Amino acid sequence: MKRLFLKTGDLVKVLSGDDKGKTGTILRVFPKTQRAVVQGVNIVSKHVKANKEKGIAGKIEKIEAPIRICKLMYFNAGDNSACRIGWKIGEDGKKHRFLKKSGLFI
């Protein structure tokens, strides 16, 4: 299993697909399948069956479906650009993520 550079709460930009160019926050990450759910990206229709016992009417919901991690890139709102992420040991001796373009720690 590959180590992921993106985590929940990161702002990302979509690189390819129907939602190319959109940005959103990662809501959930699935490391085993290399996928992530991004807010407002890859919207699909889900049919919900009616349930009389619970009083739920049948409906069609719009939800975010998982998208491949390889199609996402960290979006730096400071300079309004997408950039790659790397790992570096900080001054405290712990491993931290940093932006390869600017060298800033996340």
PDB file of N, CA and C in Angstrom:
ATOM      1  N   MET A   1       0.848  -1.179   0.000  1.00  0.00           N
ATOM      2  CA  MET A   1       0.000   0.000   0.000  1.00  0.00           C
ATOM      3  C   MET A   1       0.894   1.243   0.000  1.00  0.00           C
ATOM      4  N   LYS A   2       0.638   2.150  -0.957  1.00  0.00           N
ATOM      5  CA  LYS A   2       1.423   3.369  -1.065  1.00  0.00           C
ATOM      6  C   LYS A   2       1.053   4.355   0.038  1.00  0.00           C
ATOM      7  N   ARG A   3       2.029   5.167   0.442  1.00  0.00           N
ATOM      8  CA  ARG A   3       1.771   6.204   1.424  1.00  0.00           C
ATOM      9  C   ARG A   3       1.122   7.395   0.731  1.00  0.00           C
ATOM     10  N   LEU A   4       0.063   7.933   1.314  1.00  0.00           N
ATOM     11  CA  LEU A   4      -0.660   9.036   0.705  1.00  0.00           C
ATOM     12  C   LEU A   4      -0.102  10.374   1.161  1.00  0.00           C
ATOM     13  N   PHE A   5      -0.055  11.307   0.231  1.00  0.00           N
ATOM     14  CA  PHE A   5       0.401  12.656   0.554  1.00  0.00           C
ATOM     15  C   PHE A   5      -0.768  13.553   0.941  1.00  0.00           C
ATOM     16  N   LEU A   6      -1.967  13.216   0.502  1.00  0.00           N
ATOM     17  CA  LEU A   6      -3.148  14.024   0.783  1.00  0.00           C
ATOM     18  C   LEU A   6      -3.885  13.479   1.999  1.00  0.00           C
ATOM     19  N   LYS A   7      -4.434  14.394   2.794  1.00  0.00           N
ATOM     20  CA  LYS A   7      -5.145  14.008   4.012  1.00  0.00           C
ATOM     21  C   LYS A   7      -6.500  14.693   4.066  1.00  0.00           C
ATOM     22  N   THR A   8      -7.350  14.242   4.973  1.00  0.00           N
ATOM     23  CA  THR A   8      -8.658  14.840   5.176  1.00  0.00           C
ATOM     24  C   THR A   8      -8.488  16.307   5.575  1.00  0.00           C
ATOM     25  N   GLY A   9      -9.268  17.176   4.939  1.00  0.00           N
ATOM     26  CA  GLY A   9      -9.214  18.601   5.238  1.00  0.00           C
ATOM     27  C   GLY A   9      -8.335  19.393   4.289  1.00  0.00           C
ATOM     28  N   ASP A  10      -7.555  18.731   3.428  1.00  0.00           N
ATOM     29  CA  ASP A  10      -6.698  19.424   2.460  1.00  0.00           C
ATOM     30  C   ASP A  10      -7.549  20.005   1.333  1.00  0.00           C
ATOM     31  N   LEU A  11      -7.149  21.172   0.853  1.00  0.00           N
ATOM     32  CA  LEU A  11      -7.770  21.789  -0.307  1.00  0.00           C
ATOM     33  C   LEU A  11      -7.062  21.243  -1.539  1.00  0.00           C
ATOM     34  N   VAL A  12      -7.820  20.661  -2.483  1.00  0.00           N
ATOM     35  CA  VAL A  12      -7.222  20.017  -3.651  1.00  0.00           C
ATOM     36  C   VAL A  12      -7.847  20.541  -4.937  1.00  0.00           C
ATOM     37  N   LYS A  13      -7.119  20.356  -6.039  1.00  0.00           N
ATOM     38  CA  LYS A  13      -7.595  20.715  -7.370  1.00  0.00           C
ATOM     39  C   LYS A  13      -7.683  19.439  -8.192  1.00  0.00           C
ATOM     40  N   VAL A  14      -8.749  19.302  -8.996  1.00  0.00           N
ATOM     41  CA  VAL A  14      -8.940  18.129  -9.845  1.00  0.00           C
ATOM     42  C   VAL A  14      -8.177  18.337 -11.143  1.00  0.00           C
ATOM     43  N   LEU A  15      -7.345  17.353 -11.523  1.00  0.00           N
ATOM     44  CA  LEU A  15      -6.484  17.465 -12.691  1.00  0.00           C
ATOM     45  C   LEU A  15      -7.116  16.946 -13.971  1.00  0.00           C
ATOM     46  N   SER A  16      -8.017  15.957 -13.884  1.00  0.00           N
ATOM     47  CA  SER A  16      -8.609  15.395 -15.091  1.00  0.00           C
ATOM     48  C   SER A  16     -10.012  14.892 -14.811  1.00  0.00           C
ATOM     49  N   GLY A  17     -10.748  14.647 -15.882  1.00  0.00           N
ATOM     50  CA  GLY A  17     -12.108  14.137 -15.760  1.00  0.00           C
ATOM     51  C   GLY A  17     -13.140  15.219 -16.008  1.00  0.00           C
ATOM     52  N   ASP A  18     -14.395  14.910 -15.733  1.00  0.00           N
ATOM     53  CA  ASP A  18     -15.494  15.843 -15.969  1.00  0.00           C
ATOM     54  C   ASP A  18     -15.391  17.091 -15.096  1.00  0.00           C
ATOM     55  N   ASP A  19     -14.809  16.964 -13.909  1.00  0.00           N
ATOM     56  CA  ASP A  19     -14.706  18.082 -12.970  1.00  0.00           C
ATOM     57  C   ASP A  19     -13.336  18.748 -13.011  1.00  0.00           C
ATOM     58  N   LYS A  20     -12.618  18.641 -14.131  1.00  0.00           N
ATOM     59  CA  LYS A  20     -11.271  19.198 -14.260  1.00  0.00           C
ATOM     60  C   LYS A  20     -11.270  20.687 -13.940  1.00  0.00           C
ATOM     61  N   GLY A  21     -10.321  21.095 -13.076  1.00  0.00           N
ATOM     62  CA  GLY A  21     -10.181  22.498 -12.708  1.00  0.00           C
ATOM     63  C   GLY A  21     -10.926  22.898 -11.451  1.00  0.00           C
ATOM     64  N   LYS A  22     -11.837  22.061 -10.973  1.00  0.00           N
ATOM     65  CA  LYS A  22     -12.591  22.383  -9.753  1.00  0.00           C
ATOM     66  C   LYS A  22     -11.704  22.188  -8.524  1.00  0.00           C
ATOM     67  N   THR A  23     -11.988  22.950  -7.476  1.00  0.00           N
ATOM     68  CA  THR A  23     -11.281  22.788  -6.208  1.00  0.00           C
ATOM     69  C   THR A  23     -12.286  22.434  -5.125  1.00  0.00           C
ATOM     70  N   GLY A  24     -11.817  21.729  -4.113  1.00  0.00           N
ATOM     71  CA  GLY A  24     -12.677  21.347  -3.001  1.00  0.00           C
ATOM     72  C   GLY A  24     -11.861  20.766  -1.864  1.00  0.00           C
ATOM     73  N   THR A  25     -12.495  20.592  -0.732  1.00  0.00           N
ATOM     74  CA  THR A  25     -11.857  20.049   0.456  1.00  0.00           C
ATOM     75  C   THR A  25     -12.083  18.544   0.523  1.00  0.00           C
ATOM     76  N   ILE A  26     -11.054  17.818   0.917  1.00  0.00           N
ATOM     77  CA  ILE A  26     -11.188  16.363   1.063  1.00  0.00           C
ATOM     78  C   ILE A  26     -12.004  16.064   2.321  1.00  0.00           C
ATOM     79  N   LEU A  27     -13.086  15.313   2.131  1.00  0.00           N
ATOM     80  CA  LEU A  27     -13.957  14.946   3.246  1.00  0.00           C
ATOM     81  C   LEU A  27     -13.569  13.602   3.853  1.00  0.00           C
ATOM     82  N   ARG A  28     -13.113  12.666   2.993  1.00  0.00           N
ATOM     83  CA  ARG A  28     -12.783  11.323   3.462  1.00  0.00           C
ATOM     84  C   ARG A  28     -11.754  10.704   2.524  1.00  0.00           C
ATOM     85  N   VAL A  29     -10.845   9.907   3.078  1.00  0.00           N
ATOM     86  CA  VAL A  29      -9.800   9.264   2.285  1.00  0.00           C
ATOM     87  C   VAL A  29      -9.886   7.753   2.487  1.00  0.00           C
ATOM     88  N   PHE A  30      -9.735   7.004   1.385  1.00  0.00           N
ATOM     89  CA  PHE A  30      -9.721   5.549   1.408  1.00  0.00           C
ATOM     90  C   PHE A  30      -8.348   5.076   0.926  1.00  0.00           C
ATOM     91  N   PRO A  31      -7.385   4.845   1.838  1.00  0.00           N
ATOM     92  CA  PRO A  31      -6.022   4.483   1.436  1.00  0.00           C
ATOM     93  C   PRO A  31      -5.918   3.157   0.688  1.00  0.00           C
ATOM     94  N   LYS A  32      -6.732   2.164   1.042  1.00  0.00           N
ATOM     95  CA  LYS A  32      -6.643   0.858   0.398  1.00  0.00           C
ATOM     96  C   LYS A  32      -6.963   0.924  -1.091  1.00  0.00           C
ATOM     97  N   THR A  33      -7.981   1.707  -1.444  1.00  0.00           N
ATOM     98  CA  THR A  33      -8.397   1.804  -2.839  1.00  0.00           C
ATOM     99  C   THR A  33      -7.823   3.031  -3.537  1.00  0.00           C
ATOM    100  N   GLN A  34      -7.002   3.831  -2.841  1.00  0.00           N
ATOM    101  CA  GLN A  34      -6.374   5.032  -3.399  1.00  0.00           C
ATOM    102  C   GLN A  34      -7.429   6.014  -3.924  1.00  0.00           C
ATOM    103  N   ARG A  35      -8.465   6.258  -3.115  1.00  0.00           N
ATOM    104  CA  ARG A  35      -9.544   7.165  -3.499  1.00  0.00           C
ATOM    105  C   ARG A  35      -9.837   8.151  -2.377  1.00  0.00           C
ATOM    106  N   ALA A  36     -10.506   9.254  -2.749  1.00  0.00           N
ATOM    107  CA  ALA A  36     -10.897  10.261  -1.777  1.00  0.00           C
ATOM    108  C   ALA A  36     -12.226  10.876  -2.195  1.00  0.00           C
ATOM    109  N   VAL A  37     -13.000  11.328  -1.203  1.00  0.00           N
ATOM    110  CA  VAL A  37     -14.250  12.035  -1.458  1.00  0.00           C
ATOM    111  C   VAL A  37     -13.959  13.517  -1.286  1.00  0.00           C
ATOM    112  N   VAL A  38     -14.238  14.290  -2.342  1.00  0.00           N
ATOM    113  CA  VAL A  38     -13.960  15.727  -2.344  1.00  0.00           C
ATOM    114  C   VAL A  38     -15.286  16.471  -2.393  1.00  0.00           C
ATOM    115  N   GLN A  39     -15.403  17.505  -1.579  1.00  0.00           N
ATOM    116  CA  GLN A  39     -16.636  18.281  -1.476  1.00  0.00           C
ATOM    117  C   GLN A  39     -16.933  18.995  -2.802  1.00  0.00           C
ATOM    118  N   GLY A  40     -18.129  18.742  -3.366  1.00  0.00           N
ATOM    119  CA  GLY A  40     -18.564  19.407  -4.587  1.00  0.00           C
ATOM    120  C   GLY A  40     -17.987  18.850  -5.875  1.00  0.00           C
ATOM    121  N   VAL A  41     -17.313  17.714  -5.804  1.00  0.00           N
ATOM    122  CA  VAL A  41     -16.680  17.112  -6.982  1.00  0.00           C
ATOM    123  C   VAL A  41     -17.213  15.694  -7.176  1.00  0.00           C
ATOM    124  N   ASN A  42     -17.376  15.274  -8.435  1.00  0.00           N
ATOM    125  CA  ASN A  42     -17.839  13.939  -8.804  1.00  0.00           C
ATOM    126  C   ASN A  42     -19.218  13.651  -8.194  1.00  0.00           C
ATOM    127  N   ILE A  43     -20.176  14.544  -8.462  1.00  0.00           N
ATOM    128  CA  ILE A  43     -21.530  14.422  -7.939  1.00  0.00           C
ATOM    129  C   ILE A  43     -22.289  13.355  -8.741  1.00  0.00           C
ATOM    130  N   VAL A  44     -22.899  12.403  -8.044  1.00  0.00           N
ATOM    131  CA  VAL A  44     -23.691  11.348  -8.675  1.00  0.00           C
ATOM    132  C   VAL A  44     -25.084  11.315  -8.038  1.00  0.00           C
ATOM    133  N   SER A  45     -26.032  10.712  -8.741  1.00  0.00           N
ATOM    134  CA  SER A  45     -27.398  10.568  -8.234  1.00  0.00           C
ATOM    135  C   SER A  45     -27.536   9.212  -7.572  1.00  0.00           C
ATOM    136  N   LYS A  46     -28.065   9.222  -6.347  1.00  0.00           N
ATOM    137  CA  LYS A  46     -28.288   7.977  -5.618  1.00  0.00           C
ATOM    138  C   LYS A  46     -29.781   7.854  -5.345  1.00  0.00           C
ATOM    139  N   HIS A  47     -30.349   6.721  -5.730  1.00  0.00           N
ATOM    140  CA  HIS A  47     -31.775   6.476  -5.528  1.00  0.00           C
ATOM    141  C   HIS A  47     -31.986   5.871  -4.144  1.00  0.00           C
ATOM    142  N   VAL A  48     -32.856   6.496  -3.358  1.00  0.00           N
ATOM    143  CA  VAL A  48     -33.158   6.021  -2.009  1.00  0.00           C
ATOM    144  C   VAL A  48     -34.550   5.394  -2.031  1.00  0.00           C
ATOM    145  N   LYS A  49     -34.615   4.150  -1.581  1.00  0.00           N
ATOM    146  CA  LYS A  49     -35.878   3.415  -1.576  1.00  0.00           C
ATOM    147  C   LYS A  49     -36.769   3.898  -0.435  1.00  0.00           C
ATOM    148  N   ALA A  50     -38.061   3.950  -0.675  1.00  0.00           N
ATOM    149  CA  ALA A  50     -39.019   4.358   0.350  1.00  0.00           C
ATOM    150  C   ALA A  50     -39.124   3.291   1.431  1.00  0.00           C
ATOM    151  N   ASN A  51     -39.377   3.736   2.680  1.00  0.00           N
ATOM    152  CA  ASN A  51     -39.537   2.827   3.804  1.00  0.00           C
ATOM    153  C   ASN A  51     -40.711   3.331   4.642  1.00  0.00           C
ATOM    154  N   LYS A  52     -41.860   2.639   4.558  1.00  0.00           N
ATOM    155  CA  LYS A  52     -43.070   3.084   5.264  1.00  0.00           C
ATOM    156  C   LYS A  52     -42.917   3.003   6.778  1.00  0.00           C
ATOM    157  N   GLU A  53     -42.185   1.996   7.268  1.00  0.00           N
ATOM    158  CA  GLU A  53     -42.021   1.818   8.713  1.00  0.00           C
ATOM    159  C   GLU A  53     -41.287   2.993   9.346  1.00  0.00           C
ATOM    160  N   LYS A  54     -40.287   3.498   8.673  1.00  0.00           N
ATOM    161  CA  LYS A  54     -39.511   4.623   9.207  1.00  0.00           C
ATOM    162  C   LYS A  54     -40.029   5.973   8.719  1.00  0.00           C
ATOM    163  N   GLY A  55     -41.022   5.952   7.832  1.00  0.00           N
ATOM    164  CA  GLY A  55     -41.608   7.192   7.331  1.00  0.00           C
ATOM    165  C   GLY A  55     -40.714   7.926   6.340  1.00  0.00           C
ATOM    166  N   ILE A  56     -39.905   7.176   5.581  1.00  0.00           N
ATOM    167  CA  ILE A  56     -39.007   7.780   4.610  1.00  0.00           C
ATOM    168  C   ILE A  56     -39.609   7.650   3.215  1.00  0.00           C
ATOM    169  N   ALA A  57     -39.726   8.773   2.525  1.00  0.00           N
ATOM    170  CA  ALA A  57     -40.247   8.752   1.160  1.00  0.00           C
ATOM    171  C   ALA A  57     -39.099   8.458   0.195  1.00  0.00           C
ATOM    172  N   GLY A  58     -39.432   7.829  -0.916  1.00  0.00           N
ATOM    173  CA  GLY A  58     -38.422   7.555  -1.928  1.00  0.00           C
ATOM    174  C   GLY A  58     -37.968   8.858  -2.571  1.00  0.00           C
ATOM    175  N   LYS A  59     -36.692   8.950  -2.881  1.00  0.00           N
ATOM    176  CA  LYS A  59     -36.171  10.183  -3.481  1.00  0.00           C
ATOM    177  C   LYS A  59     -34.855   9.897  -4.197  1.00  0.00           C
ATOM    178  N   ILE A  60     -34.383  10.897  -4.912  1.00  0.00           N
ATOM    179  CA  ILE A  60     -33.090  10.822  -5.584  1.00  0.00           C
ATOM    180  C   ILE A  60     -32.191  11.876  -4.950  1.00  0.00           C
ATOM    181  N   GLU A  61     -31.095  11.431  -4.343  1.00  0.00           N
ATOM    182  CA  GLU A  61     -30.151  12.339  -3.686  1.00  0.00           C
ATOM    183  C   GLU A  61     -28.938  12.574  -4.569  1.00  0.00           C
ATOM    184  N   LYS A  62     -28.342  13.749  -4.467  1.00  0.00           N
ATOM    185  CA  LYS A  62     -27.079  14.064  -5.134  1.00  0.00           C
ATOM    186  C   LYS A  62     -25.980  13.973  -4.077  1.00  0.00           C
ATOM    187  N   ILE A  63     -25.021  13.054  -4.286  1.00  0.00           N
ATOM    188  CA  ILE A  63     -23.935  12.880  -3.328  1.00  0.00           C
ATOM    189  C   ILE A  63     -22.589  12.900  -4.043  1.00  0.00           C
ATOM    190  N   GLU A  64     -21.511  13.109  -3.267  1.00  0.00           N
ATOM    191  CA  GLU A  64     -20.157  13.066  -3.812  1.00  0.00           C
ATOM    192  C   GLU A  64     -19.662  11.627  -3.801  1.00  0.00           C
ATOM    193  N   ALA A  65     -19.169  11.163  -4.936  1.00  0.00           N
ATOM    194  CA  ALA A  65     -18.610   9.821  -5.040  1.00  0.00           C
ATOM    195  C   ALA A  65     -17.087   9.913  -4.931  1.00  0.00           C
ATOM    196  N   PRO A  66     -16.427   8.841  -4.522  1.00  0.00           N
ATOM    197  CA  PRO A  66     -14.960   8.866  -4.432  1.00  0.00           C
ATOM    198  C   PRO A  66     -14.310   9.077  -5.800  1.00  0.00           C
ATOM    199  N   ILE A  67     -13.156   9.733  -5.794  1.00  0.00           N
ATOM    200  CA  ILE A  67     -12.380  10.001  -7.000  1.00  0.00           C
ATOM    201  C   ILE A  67     -10.961   9.502  -6.760  1.00  0.00           C
ATOM    202  N   ARG A  68     -10.274   9.065  -7.807  1.00  0.00           N
ATOM    203  CA  ARG A  68      -8.917   8.548  -7.680  1.00  0.00           C
ATOM    204  C   ARG A  68      -7.972   9.630  -7.165  1.00  0.00           C
ATOM    205  N   ILE A  69      -7.060   9.261  -6.258  1.00  0.00           N
ATOM    206  CA  ILE A  69      -6.095  10.194  -5.674  1.00  0.00           C
ATOM    207  C   ILE A  69      -5.158  10.757  -6.745  1.00  0.00           C
ATOM    208  N   CYS A  70      -4.841   9.948  -7.766  1.00  0.00           N
ATOM    209  CA  CYS A  70      -3.911  10.396  -8.805  1.00  0.00           C
ATOM    210  C   CYS A  70      -4.473  11.559  -9.620  1.00  0.00           C
ATOM    211  N   LYS A  71      -5.770  11.798  -9.547  1.00  0.00           N
ATOM    212  CA  LYS A  71      -6.388  12.907 -10.266  1.00  0.00           C
ATOM    213  C   LYS A  71      -6.449  14.178  -9.430  1.00  0.00           C
ATOM    214  N   LEU A  72      -5.918  14.130  -8.210  1.00  0.00           N
ATOM    215  CA  LEU A  72      -5.970  15.277  -7.301  1.00  0.00           C
ATOM    216  C   LEU A  72      -4.572  15.813  -7.029  1.00  0.00           C
ATOM    217  N   MET A  73      -4.489  17.132  -6.837  1.00  0.00           N
ATOM    218  CA  MET A  73      -3.226  17.759  -6.471  1.00  0.00           C
ATOM    219  C   MET A  73      -3.512  18.820  -5.407  1.00  0.00           C
ATOM    220  N   TYR A  74      -2.614  18.912  -4.425  1.00  0.00           N
ATOM    221  CA  TYR A  74      -2.784  19.889  -3.346  1.00  0.00           C
ATOM    222  C   TYR A  74      -2.867  21.295  -3.933  1.00  0.00           C
ATOM    223  N   PHE A  75      -3.841  22.095  -3.474  1.00  0.00           N
ATOM    224  CA  PHE A  75      -4.030  23.455  -3.977  1.00  0.00           C
ATOM    225  C   PHE A  75      -3.605  24.451  -2.909  1.00  0.00           C
ATOM    226  N   ASN A  76      -2.602  25.258  -3.236  1.00  0.00           N
ATOM    227  CA  ASN A  76      -2.103  26.272  -2.322  1.00  0.00           C
ATOM    228  C   ASN A  76      -2.874  27.567  -2.578  1.00  0.00           C
ATOM    229  N   ALA A  77      -3.745  27.947  -1.645  1.00  0.00           N
ATOM    230  CA  ALA A  77      -4.565  29.141  -1.811  1.00  0.00           C
ATOM    231  C   ALA A  77      -3.728  30.408  -1.722  1.00  0.00           C
ATOM    232  N   GLY A  78      -2.543  30.345  -1.098  1.00  0.00           N
ATOM    233  CA  GLY A  78      -1.686  31.517  -0.951  1.00  0.00           C
ATOM    234  C   GLY A  78      -1.232  32.088  -2.280  1.00  0.00           C
ATOM    235  N   ASP A  79      -0.710  31.221  -3.160  1.00  0.00           N
ATOM    236  CA  ASP A  79      -0.275  31.706  -4.480  1.00  0.00           C
ATOM    237  C   ASP A  79      -1.186  31.201  -5.593  1.00  0.00           C
ATOM    238  N   ASN A  80      -2.362  30.648  -5.229  1.00  0.00           N
ATOM    239  CA  ASN A  80      -3.399  30.236  -6.165  1.00  0.00           C
ATOM    240  C   ASN A  80      -2.886  29.256  -7.218  1.00  0.00           C
ATOM    241  N   SER A  81      -2.161  28.223  -6.767  1.00  0.00           N
ATOM    242  CA  SER A  81      -1.637  27.234  -7.705  1.00  0.00           C
ATOM    243  C   SER A  81      -1.634  25.847  -7.066  1.00  0.00           C
ATOM    244  N   ALA A  82      -1.653  24.835  -7.922  1.00  0.00           N
ATOM    245  CA  ALA A  82      -1.569  23.449  -7.459  1.00  0.00           C
ATOM    246  C   ALA A  82      -0.097  23.060  -7.400  1.00  0.00           C
ATOM    247  N   CYS A  83       0.292  22.302  -6.384  1.00  0.00           N
ATOM    248  CA  CYS A  83       1.697  21.907  -6.261  1.00  0.00           C
ATOM    249  C   CYS A  83       1.810  20.528  -5.622  1.00  0.00           C
ATOM    250  N   ARG A  84       2.961  19.913  -5.862  1.00  0.00           N
ATOM    251  CA  ARG A  84       3.214  18.583  -5.320  1.00  0.00           C
ATOM    252  C   ARG A  84       3.634  18.682  -3.859  1.00  0.00           C
ATOM    253  N   ILE A  85       3.515  17.550  -3.159  1.00  0.00           N
ATOM    254  CA  ILE A  85       3.843  17.495  -1.732  1.00  0.00           C
ATOM    255  C   ILE A  85       4.949  16.477  -1.531  1.00  0.00           C
ATOM    256  N   GLY A  86       5.848  16.774  -0.599  1.00  0.00           N
ATOM    257  CA  GLY A  86       6.901  15.843  -0.235  1.00  0.00           C
ATOM    258  C   GLY A  86       6.993  15.728   1.273  1.00  0.00           C
ATOM    259  N   TRP A  87       7.884  14.867   1.717  1.00  0.00           N
ATOM    260  CA  TRP A  87       8.107  14.676   3.152  1.00  0.00           C
ATOM    261  C   TRP A  87       9.513  15.153   3.489  1.00  0.00           C
ATOM    262  N   LYS A  88       9.641  15.870   4.622  1.00  0.00           N
ATOM    263  CA  LYS A  88      10.935  16.376   5.056  1.00  0.00           C
ATOM    264  C   LYS A  88      10.967  16.378   6.577  1.00  0.00           C
ATOM    265  N   ILE A  89      12.141  16.177   7.136  1.00  0.00           N
ATOM    266  CA  ILE A  89      12.280  16.213   8.594  1.00  0.00           C
ATOM    267  C   ILE A  89      12.463  17.668   9.019  1.00  0.00           C
ATOM    268  N   GLY A  90      11.599  18.109   9.937  1.00  0.00           N
ATOM    269  CA  GLY A  90      11.617  19.493  10.386  1.00  0.00           C
ATOM    270  C   GLY A  90      12.639  19.730  11.489  1.00  0.00           C
ATOM    271  N   GLU A  91      12.643  20.942  12.027  1.00  0.00           N
ATOM    272  CA  GLU A  91      13.576  21.323  13.088  1.00  0.00           C
ATOM    273  C   GLU A  91      13.322  20.549  14.375  1.00  0.00           C
ATOM    274  N   ASP A  92      12.075  20.106  14.564  1.00  0.00           N
ATOM    275  CA  ASP A  92      11.739  19.350  15.774  1.00  0.00           C
ATOM    276  C   ASP A  92      12.106  17.875  15.663  1.00  0.00           C
ATOM    277  N   GLY A  93      12.650  17.453  14.514  1.00  0.00           N
ATOM    278  CA  GLY A  93      13.068  16.066  14.329  1.00  0.00           C
ATOM    279  C   GLY A  93      11.965  15.140  13.861  1.00  0.00           C
ATOM    280  N   LYS A  94      10.769  15.675  13.598  1.00  0.00           N
ATOM    281  CA  LYS A  94       9.646  14.872  13.130  1.00  0.00           C
ATOM    282  C   LYS A  94       9.453  15.069  11.628  1.00  0.00           C
ATOM    283  N   LYS A  95       8.794  14.098  11.021  1.00  0.00           N
ATOM    284  CA  LYS A  95       8.522  14.134   9.590  1.00  0.00           C
ATOM    285  C   LYS A  95       7.294  14.998   9.322  1.00  0.00           C
ATOM    286  N   HIS A  96       7.418  15.963   8.413  1.00  0.00           N
ATOM    287  CA  HIS A  96       6.315  16.858   8.067  1.00  0.00           C
ATOM    288  C   HIS A  96       6.163  16.929   6.562  1.00  0.00           C
ATOM    289  N   ARG A  97       4.941  17.297   6.110  1.00  0.00           N
ATOM    290  CA  ARG A  97       4.708  17.510   4.689  1.00  0.00           C
ATOM    291  C   ARG A  97       5.143  18.924   4.302  1.00  0.00           C
ATOM    292  N   PHE A  98       5.650  19.068   3.069  1.00  0.00           N
ATOM    293  CA  PHE A  98       6.028  20.390   2.592  1.00  0.00           C
ATOM    294  C   PHE A  98       5.672  20.520   1.115  1.00  0.00           C
ATOM    295  N   LEU A  99       5.533  21.765   0.647  1.00  0.00           N
ATOM    296  CA  LEU A  99       5.228  22.034  -0.753  1.00  0.00           C
ATOM    297  C   LEU A  99       6.529  22.059  -1.537  1.00  0.00           C
ATOM    298  N   LYS A 100       6.614  21.243  -2.574  1.00  0.00           N
ATOM    299  CA  LYS A 100       7.853  21.134  -3.352  1.00  0.00           C
ATOM    300  C   LYS A 100       8.147  22.404  -4.136  1.00  0.00           C
ATOM    301  N   LYS A 101       7.114  23.146  -4.517  1.00  0.00           N
ATOM    302  CA  LYS A 101       7.299  24.353  -5.313  1.00  0.00           C
ATOM    303  C   LYS A 101       7.905  25.493  -4.493  1.00  0.00           C
ATOM    304  N   SER A 102       7.375  25.712  -3.274  1.00  0.00           N
ATOM    305  CA  SER A 102       7.823  26.842  -2.471  1.00  0.00           C
ATOM    306  C   SER A 102       8.671  26.437  -1.277  1.00  0.00           C
ATOM    307  N   GLY A 103       8.632  25.168  -0.875  1.00  0.00           N
ATOM    308  CA  GLY A 103       9.396  24.718   0.272  1.00  0.00           C
ATOM    309  C   GLY A 103       8.728  24.969   1.605  1.00  0.00           C
ATOM    310  N   LEU A 104       7.508  25.482   1.614  1.00  0.00           N
ATOM    311  CA  LEU A 104       6.778  25.763   2.856  1.00  0.00           C
ATOM    312  C   LEU A 104       6.252  24.473   3.477  1.00  0.00           C
ATOM    313  N   PHE A 105       6.295  24.385   4.799  1.00  0.00           N
ATOM    314  CA  PHE A 105       5.721  23.242   5.504  1.00  0.00           C
ATOM    315  C   PHE A 105       4.215  23.433   5.622  1.00  0.00           C
ATOM    316  N   ILE A 106       3.483  22.326   5.539  1.00  0.00           N
ATOM    317  CA  ILE A 106       2.014  22.382   5.649  1.00  0.00           C
ATOM    318  C   ILE A 106       1.635  22.189   7.114  1.00  0.00           C
TER     319      ILE A 106
END
